[in-house]
């Protein structure tokens, strides 16, 4: 089993700020909903899953063969 951890996606904050500035005339609740929909449509997510390595159990079973 491989361990994973989440790291911040640097593109997320930039895209979110760009979209927010373009929608600044909208009410905040509508702006938030529109921003989240647009980020989702573009496939930009806040956190990325990154591999960290194999768990001790997986390494042990791998070498036991």
Protein backbone atom coordinates (compact mmCIF):
# COMPACT_ATOMS: atom_id res chain seq x y z
CA UNK A 1 0.00 0.00 0.00
CA UNK A 2 1.37 3.39 -0.94
CA UNK A 3 0.98 6.29 1.46
CA UNK A 4 -0.26 9.57 0.04
CA UNK A 5 -0.57 13.10 1.34
CA UNK A 6 -2.26 16.26 0.15
CA UNK A 7 -0.35 19.35 -0.90
CA UNK A 8 -1.68 22.72 -1.94
CA UNK A 9 -2.13 23.24 -5.66
CA UNK A 10 -0.42 26.58 -6.45
CA UNK A 11 -2.56 27.07 -9.56
CA UNK A 12 -5.75 26.92 -7.46
CA UNK A 13 -5.18 30.19 -5.59
CA UNK A 14 -4.18 32.02 -8.75
CA UNK A 15 -7.18 30.80 -10.74
CA UNK A 16 -9.53 31.49 -7.84
CA UNK A 17 -8.25 35.07 -7.50
CA UNK A 18 -8.55 35.67 -11.25
CA UNK A 19 -12.11 34.38 -11.35
CA UNK A 20 -13.08 36.30 -8.19
CA UNK A 21 -11.79 39.57 -9.60
CA UNK A 22 -13.76 39.02 -12.81
CA UNK A 23 -16.93 38.39 -10.78
CA UNK A 24 -16.50 41.14 -8.18
CA UNK A 25 -19.80 42.81 -9.14
CA UNK A 26 -21.80 39.74 -8.09
CA UNK A 27 -23.15 39.19 -4.56
CA UNK A 28 -20.71 37.13 -2.48
CA UNK A 29 -22.83 33.94 -2.31
CA UNK A 30 -23.40 33.95 -6.08
CA UNK A 31 -19.72 34.75 -6.69
CA UNK A 32 -18.62 31.81 -4.52
CA UNK A 33 -20.98 29.39 -6.26
CA UNK A 34 -19.92 30.59 -9.71
CA UNK A 35 -16.22 30.44 -8.76
CA UNK A 36 -16.48 26.87 -7.47
CA UNK A 37 -18.41 25.78 -10.57
CA UNK A 38 -15.84 27.36 -12.90
CA UNK A 39 -12.87 25.84 -11.02
CA UNK A 40 -14.57 22.45 -11.13
CA UNK A 41 -15.29 22.85 -14.85
CA UNK A 42 -11.61 23.66 -15.45
CA UNK A 43 -10.53 20.71 -13.31
CA UNK A 44 -8.56 22.90 -10.91
CA UNK A 45 -8.61 21.46 -7.38
CA UNK A 46 -7.36 22.91 -4.09
CA UNK A 47 -5.23 19.95 -3.01
CA UNK A 48 -3.26 17.42 -5.00
CA UNK A 49 -2.59 13.86 -3.85
CA UNK A 50 1.12 13.20 -3.87
CA UNK A 51 2.80 9.84 -3.28
CA UNK A 52 4.82 9.65 -0.10
CA UNK A 53 6.05 6.08 -0.24
CA UNK A 54 5.10 2.56 0.63
CA UNK A 55 3.85 1.71 4.11
CA UNK A 56 6.01 -0.50 6.33
CA UNK A 57 3.48 -3.31 5.97
CA UNK A 58 3.63 -3.16 2.16
CA UNK A 59 7.44 -3.15 2.17
CA UNK A 60 7.55 -6.11 4.54
CA UNK A 61 5.12 -8.17 2.48
CA UNK A 62 6.95 -7.26 -0.72
CA UNK A 63 10.26 -8.59 0.62
CA UNK A 64 8.66 -11.65 2.25
CA UNK A 65 7.97 -13.16 -1.17
